[in-house]
């Protein structure tokens, strides 16, 4: 889906794309949009006056010491931690990944505090998903904390926020909250071609900051280069991923064809048709078996 969000014919780059997300949510030089977006996502009546970006990778995540990374990590003026992750492809176990990120951050805070638990800052782990992960929940925006069976709050030190974009169906005329304005913008900005299509709330300062960053007409040469490099990198990743998928398909087809050839009950043409491969591919498998 990532590459589908880049269209040279459109004026605005999608906020859901890798470039768009980094240029808006990850804009370190101007955090007005991020502060307002975070406040809306965690549903807080208290404005965030300051955000500071922090290291967003997890060192030595794997056996070979490679690190993991999430899209954005920052703290506010009170020391509260925010982790934001964008997920465009299907990921049914995404909530498990959010728990891993949040618990890693929690353990880091405990170590810094020499294994004491007093006065720990809050951790907000925010997941923005293109696909749905909760089949039994209709709301597109959910906030989860530790509660008992009666729904009574046990602890709010760690909060999990999910946004399932596909469930957002609010009509433009009914949009009032900053959260709805944010999600509408994320889903629709890159589809707009005429200024007459702009909703009135796009004139609000915090959204203007984000819109300017993804407006191709306002791009500097450096920004244009960064944008094109992002497209190129994503295209390469997609190409490599397709190669892996194709290789896996061929390996699976090889095993099926090998068994069908061994049974000898189908012609080369029939095997090729049944397996969705070319006749030459079946012949190559046959030749390999003969050589062995």
Protein backbone atom coordinates (compact mmCIF):
# COMPACT_ATOMS: atom_id res chain seq x y z
CA UNK A 1 0.00 0.00 0.00
CA UNK A 2 2.92 2.37 0.71
CA UNK A 3 3.76 2.86 -2.98
CA UNK A 4 0.09 3.45 -3.84
CA UNK A 5 0.21 6.60 -1.71
CA UNK A 6 2.74 8.28 -4.02
CA UNK A 7 1.12 9.81 -7.10
CA UNK A 8 2.90 12.48 -9.13
CA UNK A 9 -0.44 13.77 -10.45
CA UNK A 10 -1.61 14.77 -6.98
CA UNK A 11 -0.59 18.04 -5.36
CA UNK A 12 -0.34 16.73 -1.81
CA UNK A 13 1.68 13.79 -0.53
CA UNK A 14 -0.31 11.46 1.68
CA UNK A 15 0.27 11.79 5.43
CA UNK A 16 0.00 8.00 5.52
CA UNK A 17 3.06 7.56 3.33
CA UNK A 18 6.51 7.16 4.84
CA UNK A 19 7.60 10.59 3.61
CA UNK A 20 4.34 12.28 4.60
CA UNK A 21 4.39 10.85 8.11
CA UNK A 22 8.00 11.91 8.74
CA UNK A 23 7.43 15.38 7.26
CA UNK A 24 4.40 16.07 9.48
CA UNK A 25 4.45 13.99 12.66
CA UNK A 26 8.25 13.86 12.61
CA UNK A 27 8.82 17.54 11.86
CA UNK A 28 11.40 18.51 14.51
CA UNK A 29 11.67 22.14 13.40
CA UNK A 30 7.96 22.86 13.91
CA UNK A 31 6.00 20.67 16.33
CA UNK A 32 2.68 22.57 16.31
CA UNK A 33 0.97 19.83 14.31
CA UNK A 34 2.46 16.98 16.36
CA UNK A 35 1.46 18.53 19.70
CA UNK A 36 -2.15 19.00 18.62
CA UNK A 37 -2.30 15.56 16.98
CA UNK A 38 -0.97 13.80 20.10
CA UNK A 39 -3.43 15.66 22.31
CA UNK A 40 -6.28 14.57 20.05
CA UNK A 41 -5.10 10.96 19.82
CA UNK A 42 -4.85 10.49 23.59
CA UNK A 43 -8.10 12.45 24.09
CA UNK A 44 -6.61 14.89 26.60
CA UNK A 45 -8.26 18.22 27.50
CA UNK A 46 -4.81 19.54 28.49
CA UNK A 47 -2.74 21.03 25.64
CA UNK A 48 0.80 19.74 25.12
CA UNK A 49 3.09 22.74 25.23
CA UNK A 50 6.38 21.07 24.32
CA UNK A 51 7.62 17.88 22.67
CA UNK A 52 11.14 16.55 22.46
CA UNK A 53 12.12 13.81 20.04
CA UNK A 54 13.99 10.88 21.55
CA UNK A 55 15.82 7.83 20.26
CA UNK A 56 13.30 5.61 18.48
CA UNK A 57 15.19 2.35 18.09
CA UNK A 58 15.48 -0.70 20.32
CA UNK A 59 19.10 -1.81 20.56
CA UNK A 60 20.13 -5.48 20.24
CA UNK A 61 16.61 -6.62 19.47
CA UNK A 62 17.78 -9.77 17.68
CA UNK A 63 20.46 -12.40 18.28
CA UNK A 64 22.78 -10.75 15.78
CA UNK A 65 22.41 -7.44 17.68
CA UNK A 66 20.35 -5.71 15.00
CA UNK A 67 17.92 -3.15 16.35
CA UNK A 68 14.18 -2.67 15.99
CA UNK A 69 12.65 0.72 15.26
CA UNK A 70 9.29 2.41 15.58
CA UNK A 71 8.15 5.39 13.57
CA UNK A 72 8.27 8.12 16.20
CA UNK A 73 9.18 8.56 19.85
CA UNK A 74 9.00 11.76 21.89
CA UNK A 75 8.35 13.17 25.33
CA UNK A 76 6.31 16.14 26.50
CA UNK A 77 7.08 18.86 29.04
CA UNK A 78 6.00 16.56 31.88
CA UNK A 79 8.28 13.72 30.80
CA UNK A 80 5.44 11.58 29.45
CA UNK A 81 6.52 9.25 26.65
CA UNK A 82 4.79 8.87 23.29
CA UNK A 83 5.43 6.07 20.83
CA UNK A 84 3.67 6.37 17.48
CA UNK A 85 3.59 3.57 14.92
CA UNK A 86 1.98 3.64 11.46
CA UNK A 87 0.90 0.29 10.00
CA UNK A 88 -0.32 0.22 6.39
CA UNK A 89 -0.30 -3.51 5.69
CA UNK A 90 -2.44 -6.09 7.47
CA UNK A 91 -1.06 -7.04 10.87
CA UNK A 92 -3.59 -8.96 13.03
CA UNK A 93 -1.08 -9.23 15.91
CA UNK A 94 -0.30 -5.50 15.92
CA UNK A 95 -1.46 -5.06 19.52
CA UNK A 96 1.25 -7.52 20.60
CA UNK A 97 3.86 -5.36 18.91
CA UNK A 98 2.49 -2.28 20.69
CA UNK A 99 2.78 -4.07 24.02
CA UNK A 100 6.36 -4.98 23.23
CA UNK A 101 7.27 -1.38 22.41
CA UNK A 102 5.54 0.00 25.49
CA UNK A 103 7.00 -2.59 27.85
CA UNK A 104 10.48 -2.03 26.45
CA UNK A 105 10.11 1.69 27.17
CA UNK A 106 8.73 0.87 30.63
CA UNK A 107 11.70 -1.36 31.45
CA UNK A 108 14.07 1.37 30.27
CA UNK A 109 12.44 3.84 32.66
CA UNK A 110 12.70 1.36 35.53
CA UNK A 111 16.43 0.86 34.90
CA UNK A 112 16.97 4.59 34.78
CA UNK A 113 15.17 4.81 38.12
CA UNK A 114 17.34 2.05 39.61
CA UNK A 115 14.41 -0.37 39.80
CA UNK A 116 12.11 1.96 41.69
CA UNK A 117 8.52 2.50 40.62
CA UNK A 118 7.62 5.84 42.18
CA UNK A 119 6.76 8.80 40.00
CA UNK A 120 7.06 7.03 36.69
CA UNK A 121 5.98 9.11 33.67
CA UNK A 122 3.09 7.93 31.56
CA UNK A 123 3.66 5.94 28.38
CA UNK A 124 1.28 6.36 25.45
CA UNK A 125 1.68 3.77 22.70
CA UNK A 126 -0.26 4.91 19.64
CA UNK A 127 -0.97 2.72 16.62
CA UNK A 128 -2.48 4.13 13.42
CA UNK A 129 -3.62 1.31 11.15
CA UNK A 130 -4.95 1.24 7.61
CA UNK A 131 -6.54 -2.19 8.18
CA UNK A 132 -8.83 -3.28 10.99
CA UNK A 133 -7.55 -5.48 13.82
CA UNK A 134 -10.62 -5.51 16.11
CA UNK A 135 -13.49 -7.31 14.39
CA UNK A 136 -15.87 -6.93 17.36
CA UNK A 137 -15.25 -3.22 17.98
CA UNK A 138 -17.01 -0.64 15.81
CA UNK A 139 -15.31 2.55 17.05
CA UNK A 140 -12.36 3.65 14.94
CA UNK A 141 -10.57 5.19 17.95
CA UNK A 142 -9.90 3.17 21.10
CA UNK A 143 -8.02 3.97 24.30
CA UNK A 144 -7.10 1.07 26.59
CA UNK A 145 -5.69 1.04 30.13
CA UNK A 146 -5.51 -1.56 32.88
CA UNK A 147 -9.04 -2.07 34.26
CA UNK A 148 -10.89 -4.72 36.27
CA UNK A 149 -13.90 -6.77 35.14
CA UNK A 150 -16.22 -3.91 36.15
CA UNK A 151 -14.36 -1.44 33.98
CA UNK A 152 -12.87 0.33 36.97
CA UNK A 153 -9.43 1.84 36.44
CA UNK A 154 -6.54 -0.07 38.02
CA UNK A 155 -3.64 1.83 36.46
CA UNK A 156 -3.20 4.47 33.75
CA UNK A 157 0.60 4.65 33.67
CA UNK A 158 0.58 2.78 30.36
CA UNK A 159 -2.04 3.63 27.74
CA UNK A 160 -2.62 1.98 24.36
CA UNK A 161 -4.30 4.02 21.64
CA UNK A 162 -5.43 2.52 18.34
CA UNK A 163 -6.90 4.21 15.28
CA UNK A 164 -8.35 1.96 12.57
CA UNK A 165 -8.62 4.28 9.58
CA UNK A 166 -10.93 2.02 7.61
CA UNK A 167 -13.62 2.39 10.30
CA UNK A 168 -13.64 6.19 10.05
CA UNK A 169 -16.90 6.98 8.22
CA UNK A 170 -17.73 10.45 9.59
CA UNK A 171 -19.20 12.78 6.98
CA UNK A 172 -17.40 16.07 6.40
CA UNK A 173 -20.39 18.10 7.63
CA UNK A 174 -20.36 16.22 10.94
CA UNK A 175 -16.68 16.70 11.75
CA UNK A 176 -16.13 18.78 14.88
CA UNK A 177 -13.38 17.33 17.08
CA UNK A 178 -9.66 17.70 16.41
CA UNK A 179 -9.39 13.91 16.24
CA UNK A 180 -11.93 13.75 13.41
CA UNK A 181 -10.17 16.63 11.65
CA UNK A 182 -6.86 14.80 11.95
CA UNK A 183 -8.11 11.47 10.64
CA UNK A 184 -10.11 13.08 7.82
CA UNK A 185 -6.97 14.94 6.74
CA UNK A 186 -4.84 11.79 6.89
CA UNK A 187 -7.32 9.87 4.75
CA UNK A 188 -8.27 12.55 2.23
CA UNK A 189 -5.64 15.28 1.79
CA UNK A 190 -3.76 13.48 -0.99
CA UNK A 191 -7.01 12.99 -2.94
CA UNK A 192 -7.84 16.69 -3.14
CA UNK A 193 -7.00 18.50 -6.38
CA UNK A 194 -8.98 21.76 -6.15
CA UNK A 195 -8.98 24.45 -3.46
CA UNK A 196 -12.80 24.41 -3.59
CA UNK A 197 -12.59 20.95 -2.02
CA UNK A 198 -10.77 22.22 1.06
CA UNK A 199 -12.81 21.93 4.25
CA UNK A 200 -12.85 25.07 6.38
CA UNK A 201 -10.88 23.46 9.22
CA UNK A 202 -7.83 23.05 6.98
CA UNK A 203 -7.23 26.73 7.62
CA UNK A 204 -6.50 26.00 11.29
CA UNK A 205 -2.88 26.72 12.13
CA UNK A 206 -1.84 23.23 13.26
CA UNK A 207 -3.22 21.59 10.10
CA UNK A 208 -1.78 24.33 7.90
CA UNK A 209 1.68 23.43 9.25
CA UNK A 210 1.22 19.79 8.17
CA UNK A 211 -0.39 20.59 4.82
CA UNK A 212 2.45 22.94 3.89
CA UNK A 213 5.02 20.19 4.52
CA UNK A 214 3.35 17.81 2.04
CA UNK A 215 2.44 20.41 -0.58
CA UNK A 216 4.59 19.63 -3.62
CA UNK A 217 4.24 23.19 -4.86
CA UNK A 218 5.87 24.50 -1.68
CA UNK A 219 8.79 22.05 -1.73
CA UNK A 220 12.38 23.24 -1.78
CA UNK A 221 14.94 21.43 -3.93
CA UNK A 222 16.20 19.58 -0.85
CA UNK A 223 12.68 18.46 0.07
CA UNK A 224 11.98 17.34 -3.49
CA UNK A 225 15.18 15.30 -3.48
CA UNK A 226 14.28 13.70 -0.13
CA UNK A 227 10.81 12.91 -1.45
CA UNK A 228 12.12 11.29 -4.63
CA UNK A 229 14.70 9.30 -2.68
CA UNK A 230 11.93 7.99 -0.44
CA UNK A 231 9.91 6.89 -3.46
CA UNK A 232 12.98 5.17 -4.90
CA UNK A 233 13.74 3.41 -1.62
CA UNK A 234 10.15 2.21 -1.24
CA UNK A 235 10.12 0.95 -4.83
CA UNK A 236 13.29 -1.04 -4.14
CA UNK A 237 11.83 -2.53 -0.97
CA UNK A 238 8.66 -3.47 -2.84
CA UNK A 239 10.69 -5.03 -5.66
CA UNK A 240 12.73 -7.12 -3.22
CA UNK A 241 9.61 -8.14 -1.34
CA UNK A 242 7.95 -9.26 -4.58
CA UNK A 243 11.07 -11.29 -5.40
CA UNK A 244 10.81 -13.05 -2.05
CA UNK A 245 7.13 -13.78 -2.61
CA UNK A 246 7.79 -15.08 -6.12
CA UNK A 247 10.65 -17.28 -4.88
CA UNK A 248 8.42 -18.73 -2.16
CA UNK A 249 5.70 -19.46 -4.72
CA UNK A 250 8.17 -21.20 -7.00
CA UNK A 251 9.55 -23.32 -4.16
CA UNK A 252 6.05 -24.38 -3.21
CA UNK A 253 5.15 -25.08 -6.84
CA UNK A 254 8.35 -27.12 -7.25
CA UNK A 255 7.32 -29.52 -4.49
CA UNK A 256 3.80 -29.93 -5.88
CA UNK A 257 5.06 -30.48 -9.44
CA UNK A 258 7.61 -33.00 -8.23
CA UNK A 259 4.86 -35.08 -6.63
CA UNK A 260 2.61 -34.81 -9.68
CA UNK A 261 5.43 -35.90 -12.00
CA UNK A 262 6.20 -38.83 -9.73
CA UNK A 263 2.58 -40.01 -9.92
CA UNK A 264 2.68 -39.74 -13.72
CA UNK A 265 -1.07 -39.27 -14.07
CA UNK A 266 -1.03 -35.81 -15.69
CA UNK A 267 0.58 -34.33 -18.75
CA UNK A 268 3.15 -31.53 -18.59
CA UNK A 269 0.53 -29.10 -19.84
CA UNK A 270 -2.03 -30.18 -17.23
CA UNK A 271 0.50 -29.82 -14.43
CA UNK A 272 1.46 -26.34 -15.62
CA UNK A 273 -2.18 -25.26 -15.72
CA UNK A 274 -3.01 -26.72 -12.31
CA UNK A 275 0.01 -25.11 -10.65
CA UNK A 276 -0.29 -21.75 -12.42
CA UNK A 277 3.18 -21.95 -13.95
CA UNK A 278 4.61 -22.20 -17.47
CA UNK A 279 5.26 -25.45 -19.29
CA UNK A 280 8.97 -24.54 -19.37
CA UNK A 281 8.98 -24.33 -15.56
CA UNK A 282 7.52 -27.84 -15.31
CA UNK A 283 10.14 -29.09 -17.80
CA UNK A 284 12.89 -27.49 -15.71
CA UNK A 285 11.64 -29.36 -12.64
CA UNK A 286 11.49 -32.56 -14.66
CA UNK A 287 15.06 -32.05 -15.89
CA UNK A 288 16.33 -31.40 -12.34
CA UNK A 289 14.70 -34.61 -11.15
CA UNK A 290 16.28 -36.51 -14.05
CA UNK A 291 19.73 -35.08 -13.24
CA UNK A 292 19.37 -36.10 -9.60
